[in-house]
Amino acid sequence: MKTNGIDATGFANCLRAILADGLDVNESFDPDGIRSVDTYRDAEILTMNDGLVVTMDDGTEFQLTIVLSRRGR
């Protein structure tokens, strides 16, 4: 579903750029400790949702599901 130039996949890709590439959006955010950031597709997660798998240096893994919850005007 696409709205105003960005869809759930685009939003997930933006988050991936922030986490994986250390994009400086907020000085209080420190991306140290992140080993990898993959999309659900790249990580071969069997779901129809868009999202990210964030793996920390110690092996801890987080999954972030991206859901468009409301459309703008």
PDB file of N, CA and C in Angstrom:
ATOM      1  N   MET A   1       0.843  -1.164   0.000  1.00  0.00           N
ATOM      2  CA  MET A   1       0.000   0.000   0.000  1.00  0.00           C
ATOM      3  C   MET A   1       0.895   1.235   0.000  1.00  0.00           C
ATOM      4  N   LYS A   2       0.679   2.132  -0.936  1.00  0.00           N
ATOM      5  CA  LYS A   2       1.534   3.300  -1.085  1.00  0.00           C
ATOM      6  C   LYS A   2       0.751   4.570  -0.771  1.00  0.00           C
ATOM      7  N   THR A   3       1.390   5.475  -0.042  1.00  0.00           N
ATOM      8  CA  THR A   3       0.762   6.738   0.309  1.00  0.00           C
ATOM      9  C   THR A   3       1.815   7.827   0.403  1.00  0.00           C
ATOM     10  N   ASN A   4       1.583   8.950  -0.224  1.00  0.00           N
ATOM     11  CA  ASN A   4       2.478  10.103  -0.157  1.00  0.00           C
ATOM     12  C   ASN A   4       3.941   9.764  -0.447  1.00  0.00           C
ATOM     13  N   GLY A   5       4.206   8.866  -1.395  1.00  0.00           N
ATOM     14  CA  GLY A   5       5.569   8.588  -1.819  1.00  0.00           C
ATOM     15  C   GLY A   5       6.315   7.550  -1.008  1.00  0.00           C
ATOM     16  N   ILE A   6       5.761   7.053   0.098  1.00  0.00           N
ATOM     17  CA  ILE A   6       6.446   6.020   0.874  1.00  0.00           C
ATOM     18  C   ILE A   6       5.428   4.959   1.268  1.00  0.00           C
ATOM     19  N   ASP A   7       5.865   3.707   1.206  1.00  0.00           N
ATOM     20  CA  ASP A   7       4.999   2.611   1.628  1.00  0.00           C
ATOM     21  C   ASP A   7       5.691   1.882   2.770  1.00  0.00           C
ATOM     22  N   ALA A   8       5.095   0.806   3.225  1.00  0.00           N
ATOM     23  CA  ALA A   8       5.672   0.090   4.354  1.00  0.00           C
ATOM     24  C   ALA A   8       7.086  -0.399   4.040  1.00  0.00           C
ATOM     25  N   THR A   9       7.315  -0.846   2.811  1.00  0.00           N
ATOM     26  CA  THR A   9       8.652  -1.298   2.420  1.00  0.00           C
ATOM     27  C   THR A   9       9.642  -0.139   2.440  1.00  0.00           C
ATOM     28  N   GLY A  10       9.230   1.011   1.911  1.00  0.00           N
ATOM     29  CA  GLY A  10      10.097   2.195   1.932  1.00  0.00           C
ATOM     30  C   GLY A  10      10.409   2.651   3.341  1.00  0.00           C
ATOM     31  N   PHE A  11       9.404   2.595   4.210  1.00  0.00           N
ATOM     32  CA  PHE A  11       9.614   2.983   5.600  1.00  0.00           C
ATOM     33  C   PHE A  11      10.593   2.026   6.273  1.00  0.00           C
ATOM     34  N   ALA A  12      10.440   0.737   6.015  1.00  0.00           N
ATOM     35  CA  ALA A  12      11.376  -0.249   6.563  1.00  0.00           C
ATOM     36  C   ALA A  12      12.789   0.008   6.050  1.00  0.00           C
ATOM     37  N   ASN A  13      12.906   0.367   4.774  1.00  0.00           N
ATOM     38  CA  ASN A  13      14.228   0.661   4.205  1.00  0.00           C
ATOM     39  C   ASN A  13      14.846   1.897   4.842  1.00  0.00           C
ATOM     40  N   CYS A  14      14.028   2.909   5.143  1.00  0.00           N
ATOM     41  CA  CYS A  14      14.538   4.103   5.830  1.00  0.00           C
ATOM     42  C   CYS A  14      15.058   3.748   7.220  1.00  0.00           C
ATOM     43  N   LEU A  15      14.292   2.961   7.955  1.00  0.00           N
ATOM     44  CA  LEU A  15      14.746   2.529   9.277  1.00  0.00           C
ATOM     45  C   LEU A  15      16.031   1.714   9.174  1.00  0.00           C
ATOM     46  N   ARG A  16      16.092   0.884   8.149  1.00  0.00           N
ATOM     47  CA  ARG A  16      17.299   0.077   7.950  1.00  0.00           C
ATOM     48  C   ARG A  16      18.511   0.978   7.729  1.00  0.00           C
ATOM     49  N   ALA A  17      18.355   2.028   6.924  1.00  0.00           N
ATOM     50  CA  ALA A  17      19.461   2.959   6.675  1.00  0.00           C
ATOM     51  C   ALA A  17      19.909   3.627   7.967  1.00  0.00           C
ATOM     52  N   ILE A  18      18.961   4.006   8.807  1.00  0.00           N
ATOM     53  CA  ILE A  18      19.297   4.640  10.083  1.00  0.00           C
ATOM     54  C   ILE A  18      20.059   3.681  10.981  1.00  0.00           C
ATOM     55  N   LEU A  19      19.569   2.450  11.101  1.00  0.00           N
ATOM     56  CA  LEU A  19      20.188   1.474  12.003  1.00  0.00           C
ATOM     57  C   LEU A  19      21.490   0.901  11.458  1.00  0.00           C
ATOM     58  N   ALA A  20      21.494   0.523  10.192  1.00  0.00           N
ATOM     59  CA  ALA A  20      22.655  -0.165   9.625  1.00  0.00           C
ATOM     60  C   ALA A  20      23.789   0.784   9.270  1.00  0.00           C
ATOM     61  N   ASP A  21      23.439   1.963   8.768  1.00  0.00           N
ATOM     62  CA  ASP A  21      24.470   2.886   8.303  1.00  0.00           C
ATOM     63  C   ASP A  21      24.801   3.965   9.320  1.00  0.00           C
ATOM     64  N   GLY A  22      24.133   3.947  10.462  1.00  0.00           N
ATOM     65  CA  GLY A  22      24.428   4.931  11.491  1.00  0.00           C
ATOM     66  C   GLY A  22      24.079   6.344  11.080  1.00  0.00           C
ATOM     67  N   LEU A  23      23.041   6.513  10.283  1.00  0.00           N
ATOM     68  CA  LEU A  23      22.599   7.834   9.861  1.00  0.00           C
ATOM     69  C   LEU A  23      22.342   8.694  11.082  1.00  0.00           C
ATOM     70  N   ASP A  24      22.929   9.870  11.126  1.00  0.00           N
ATOM     71  CA  ASP A  24      22.857  10.733  12.301  1.00  0.00           C
ATOM     72  C   ASP A  24      21.554  11.535  12.303  1.00  0.00           C
ATOM     73  N   VAL A  25      20.510  10.975  12.933  1.00  0.00           N
ATOM     74  CA  VAL A  25      19.239  11.682  13.041  1.00  0.00           C
ATOM     75  C   VAL A  25      19.013  12.201  14.451  1.00  0.00           C
ATOM     76  N   ASN A  26      19.697  11.627  15.403  1.00  0.00           N
ATOM     77  CA  ASN A  26      19.497  12.023  16.782  1.00  0.00           C
ATOM     78  C   ASN A  26      20.769  11.675  17.550  1.00  0.00           C
ATOM     79  N   GLU A  27      21.384  12.657  18.149  1.00  0.00           N
ATOM     80  CA  GLU A  27      22.650  12.411  18.833  1.00  0.00           C
ATOM     81  C   GLU A  27      22.530  11.409  19.971  1.00  0.00           C
ATOM     82  N   SER A  28      21.323  11.227  20.539  1.00  0.00           N
ATOM     83  CA  SER A  28      21.150  10.287  21.643  1.00  0.00           C
ATOM     84  C   SER A  28      21.049   8.837  21.158  1.00  0.00           C
ATOM     85  N   PHE A  29      20.904   8.631  19.856  1.00  0.00           N
ATOM     86  CA  PHE A  29      20.837   7.276  19.311  1.00  0.00           C
ATOM     87  C   PHE A  29      22.238   6.791  19.015  1.00  0.00           C
ATOM     88  N   ASP A  30      22.600   5.661  19.576  1.00  0.00           N
ATOM     89  CA  ASP A  30      23.935   5.102  19.379  1.00  0.00           C
ATOM     90  C   ASP A  30      23.799   3.716  18.762  1.00  0.00           C
ATOM     91  N   PRO A  31      24.135   3.571  17.467  1.00  0.00           N
ATOM     92  CA  PRO A  31      23.953   2.277  16.799  1.00  0.00           C
ATOM     93  C   PRO A  31      25.027   1.245  17.122  1.00  0.00           C
ATOM     94  N   ASP A  32      26.003   1.571  18.001  1.00  0.00           N
ATOM     95  CA  ASP A  32      27.012   0.574  18.366  1.00  0.00           C
ATOM     96  C   ASP A  32      26.332  -0.638  18.977  1.00  0.00           C
ATOM     97  N   GLY A  33      26.852  -1.788  18.677  1.00  0.00           N
ATOM     98  CA  GLY A  33      26.286  -3.022  19.204  1.00  0.00           C
ATOM     99  C   GLY A  33      25.384  -3.732  18.217  1.00  0.00           C
ATOM    100  N   ILE A  34      25.100  -3.104  17.083  1.00  0.00           N
ATOM    101  CA  ILE A  34      24.262  -3.739  16.062  1.00  0.00           C
ATOM    102  C   ILE A  34      25.156  -4.482  15.081  1.00  0.00           C
ATOM    103  N   ARG A  35      24.965  -5.789  14.974  1.00  0.00           N
ATOM    104  CA  ARG A  35      25.746  -6.595  14.047  1.00  0.00           C
ATOM    105  C   ARG A  35      25.197  -6.504  12.632  1.00  0.00           C
ATOM    106  N   SER A  36      23.864  -6.619  12.500  1.00  0.00           N
ATOM    107  CA  SER A  36      23.271  -6.580  11.162  1.00  0.00           C
ATOM    108  C   SER A  36      21.815  -6.149  11.229  1.00  0.00           C
ATOM    109  N   VAL A  37      21.359  -5.628  10.106  1.00  0.00           N
ATOM    110  CA  VAL A  37      19.951  -5.267   9.930  1.00  0.00           C
ATOM    111  C   VAL A  37      19.530  -5.793   8.567  1.00  0.00           C
ATOM    112  N   ASP A  38      18.544  -6.677   8.564  1.00  0.00           N
ATOM    113  CA  ASP A  38      18.056  -7.269   7.322  1.00  0.00           C
ATOM    114  C   ASP A  38      16.556  -7.070   7.220  1.00  0.00           C
ATOM    115  N   THR A  39      16.064  -6.970   6.001  1.00  0.00           N
ATOM    116  CA  THR A  39      14.616  -6.952   5.806  1.00  0.00           C
ATOM    117  C   THR A  39      14.083  -8.359   6.059  1.00  0.00           C
ATOM    118  N   TYR A  40      12.774  -8.468   6.323  1.00  0.00           N
ATOM    119  CA  TYR A  40      12.179  -9.788   6.486  1.00  0.00           C
ATOM    120  C   TYR A  40      12.444 -10.634   5.252  1.00  0.00           C
ATOM    121  N   ARG A  41      12.352 -10.014   4.083  1.00  0.00           N
ATOM    122  CA  ARG A  41      12.579 -10.756   2.832  1.00  0.00           C
ATOM    123  C   ARG A  41      14.010 -11.304   2.790  1.00  0.00           C
ATOM    124  N   ASP A  42      15.001 -10.434   3.089  1.00  0.00           N
ATOM    125  CA  ASP A  42      16.397 -10.877   3.074  1.00  0.00           C
ATOM    126  C   ASP A  42      16.663 -11.971   4.105  1.00  0.00           C
ATOM    127  N   ALA A  43      15.994 -11.882   5.252  1.00  0.00           N
ATOM    128  CA  ALA A  43      16.172 -12.873   6.317  1.00  0.00           C
ATOM    129  C   ALA A  43      15.298 -14.105   6.103  1.00  0.00           C
ATOM    130  N   GLU A  44      14.533 -14.083   5.009  1.00  0.00           N
ATOM    131  CA  GLU A  44      13.653 -15.189   4.652  1.00  0.00           C
ATOM    132  C   GLU A  44      12.644 -15.518   5.748  1.00  0.00           C
ATOM    133  N   ILE A  45      12.094 -14.455   6.371  1.00  0.00           N
ATOM    134  CA  ILE A  45      11.022 -14.613   7.345  1.00  0.00           C
ATOM    135  C   ILE A  45       9.736 -14.855   6.563  1.00  0.00           C
ATOM    136  N   LEU A  46       9.018 -15.903   6.903  1.00  0.00           N
ATOM    137  CA  LEU A  46       7.813 -16.266   6.172  1.00  0.00           C
ATOM    138  C   LEU A  46       6.622 -15.464   6.690  1.00  0.00           C
ATOM    139  N   THR A  47       6.417 -14.300   6.099  1.00  0.00           N
ATOM    140  CA  THR A  47       5.309 -13.432   6.467  1.00  0.00           C
ATOM    141  C   THR A  47       4.954 -12.553   5.282  1.00  0.00           C
ATOM    142  N   MET A  48       3.745 -12.045   5.268  1.00  0.00           N
ATOM    143  CA  MET A  48       3.331 -11.096   4.241  1.00  0.00           C
ATOM    144  C   MET A  48       3.606  -9.664   4.688  1.00  0.00           C
ATOM    145  N   ASN A  49       4.059  -9.484   5.932  1.00  0.00           N
ATOM    146  CA  ASN A  49       4.346  -8.160   6.470  1.00  0.00           C
ATOM    147  C   ASN A  49       5.710  -7.663   6.015  1.00  0.00           C
ATOM    148  N   ASP A  50       5.887  -6.358   6.075  1.00  0.00           N
ATOM    149  CA  ASP A  50       7.208  -5.768   5.877  1.00  0.00           C
ATOM    150  C   ASP A  50       7.833  -5.564   7.248  1.00  0.00           C
ATOM    151  N   GLY A  51       9.132  -5.668   7.310  1.00  0.00           N
ATOM    152  CA  GLY A  51       9.779  -5.455   8.602  1.00  0.00           C
ATOM    153  C   GLY A  51      11.264  -5.678   8.530  1.00  0.00           C
ATOM    154  N   LEU A  52      11.885  -5.598   9.690  1.00  0.00           N
ATOM    155  CA  LEU A  52      13.333  -5.716   9.818  1.00  0.00           C
ATOM    156  C   LEU A  52      13.694  -6.702  10.916  1.00  0.00           C
ATOM    157  N   VAL A  53      14.809  -7.362  10.727  1.00  0.00           N
ATOM    158  CA  VAL A  53      15.411  -8.201  11.753  1.00  0.00           C
ATOM    159  C   VAL A  53      16.716  -7.516  12.140  1.00  0.00           C
ATOM    160  N   VAL A  54      16.803  -7.094  13.396  1.00  0.00           N
ATOM    161  CA  VAL A  54      18.000  -6.416  13.900  1.00  0.00           C
ATOM    162  C   VAL A  54      18.719  -7.397  14.817  1.00  0.00           C
ATOM    163  N   THR A  55      19.948  -7.731  14.468  1.00  0.00           N
ATOM    164  CA  THR A  55      20.749  -8.658  15.269  1.00  0.00           C
ATOM    165  C   THR A  55      21.855  -7.875  15.965  1.00  0.00           C
ATOM    166  N   MET A  56      21.917  -8.033  17.268  1.00  0.00           N
ATOM    167  CA  MET A  56      22.920  -7.340  18.070  1.00  0.00           C
ATOM    168  C   MET A  56      24.218  -8.148  18.098  1.00  0.00           C
ATOM    169  N   ASP A  57      25.302  -7.500  18.515  1.00  0.00           N
ATOM    170  CA  ASP A  57      26.606  -8.163  18.562  1.00  0.00           C
ATOM    171  C   ASP A  57      26.593  -9.432  19.407  1.00  0.00           C
ATOM    172  N   ASP A  58      25.760  -9.469  20.455  1.00  0.00           N
ATOM    173  CA  ASP A  58      25.721 -10.647  21.328  1.00  0.00           C
ATOM    174  C   ASP A  58      24.778 -11.739  20.825  1.00  0.00           C
ATOM    175  N   GLY A  59      24.186 -11.539  19.638  1.00  0.00           N
ATOM    176  CA  GLY A  59      23.295 -12.532  19.060  1.00  0.00           C
ATOM    177  C   GLY A  59      21.822 -12.283  19.344  1.00  0.00           C
ATOM    178  N   THR A  60      21.515 -11.358  20.232  1.00  0.00           N
ATOM    179  CA  THR A  60      20.122 -11.004  20.489  1.00  0.00           C
ATOM    180  C   THR A  60      19.508 -10.501  19.193  1.00  0.00           C
ATOM    181  N   GLU A  61      18.274 -10.916  18.929  1.00  0.00           N
ATOM    182  CA  GLU A  61      17.610 -10.564  17.675  1.00  0.00           C
ATOM    183  C   GLU A  61      16.269  -9.901  17.964  1.00  0.00           C
ATOM    184  N   PHE A  62      16.020  -8.818  17.255  1.00  0.00           N
ATOM    185  CA  PHE A  62      14.748  -8.118  17.337  1.00  0.00           C
ATOM    186  C   PHE A  62      14.095  -8.134  15.971  1.00  0.00           C
ATOM    187  N   GLN A  63      12.774  -8.269  15.946  1.00  0.00           N
ATOM    188  CA  GLN A  63      12.022  -8.163  14.697  1.00  0.00           C
ATOM    189  C   GLN A  63      11.096  -6.964  14.826  1.00  0.00           C
ATOM    190  N   LEU A  64      11.170  -6.079  13.838  1.00  0.00           N
ATOM    191  CA  LEU A  64      10.313  -4.898  13.803  1.00  0.00           C
ATOM    192  C   LEU A  64       9.363  -5.043  12.622  1.00  0.00           C
ATOM    193  N   THR A  65       8.085  -5.166  12.903  1.00  0.00           N
ATOM    194  CA  THR A  65       7.080  -5.264  11.850  1.00  0.00           C
ATOM    195  C   THR A  65       6.575  -3.862  11.556  1.00  0.00           C
ATOM    196  N   ILE A  66       6.542  -3.516  10.266  1.00  0.00           N
ATOM    197  CA  ILE A  66       6.105  -2.195   9.826  1.00  0.00           C
ATOM    198  C   ILE A  66       4.682  -2.312   9.294  1.00  0.00           C
ATOM    199  N   VAL A  67       3.762  -1.603   9.917  1.00  0.00           N
ATOM    200  CA  VAL A  67       2.362  -1.638   9.522  1.00  0.00           C
ATOM    201  C   VAL A  67       1.888  -0.213   9.283  1.00  0.00           C
ATOM    202  N   LEU A  68       1.340   0.040   8.120  1.00  0.00           N
ATOM    203  CA  LEU A  68       0.721   1.341   7.843  1.00  0.00           C
ATOM    204  C   LEU A  68      -0.601   1.338   8.584  1.00  0.00           C
ATOM    205  N   SER A  69      -0.687   2.119   9.664  1.00  0.00           N
ATOM    206  CA  SER A  69      -1.869   2.081  10.518  1.00  0.00           C
ATOM    207  C   SER A  69      -2.902   3.143  10.192  1.00  0.00           C
ATOM    208  N   ARG A  70      -2.477   4.164   9.488  1.00  0.00           N
ATOM    209  CA  ARG A  70      -3.429   5.215   9.125  1.00  0.00           C
ATOM    210  C   ARG A  70      -2.913   5.920   7.892  1.00  0.00           C
ATOM    211  N   ARG A  71      -3.817   6.216   6.975  1.00  0.00           N
ATOM    212  CA  ARG A  71      -3.458   6.966   5.767  1.00  0.00           C
ATOM    213  C   ARG A  71      -3.646   8.457   5.996  1.00  0.00           C
ATOM    214  N   GLY A  72      -2.735   9.238   5.410  1.00  0.00           N
ATOM    215  CA  GLY A  72      -2.896  10.682   5.440  1.00  0.00           C
ATOM    216  C   GLY A  72      -3.928  11.122   4.418  1.00  0.00           C
ATOM    217  N   ARG A  73      -4.173  12.375   4.399  1.00  0.00           N
ATOM    218  CA  ARG A  73      -5.200  12.885   3.473  1.00  0.00           C
ATOM    219  C   ARG A  73      -4.762  12.855   2.071  1.00  0.00           C
TER     220      ARG A  73
END
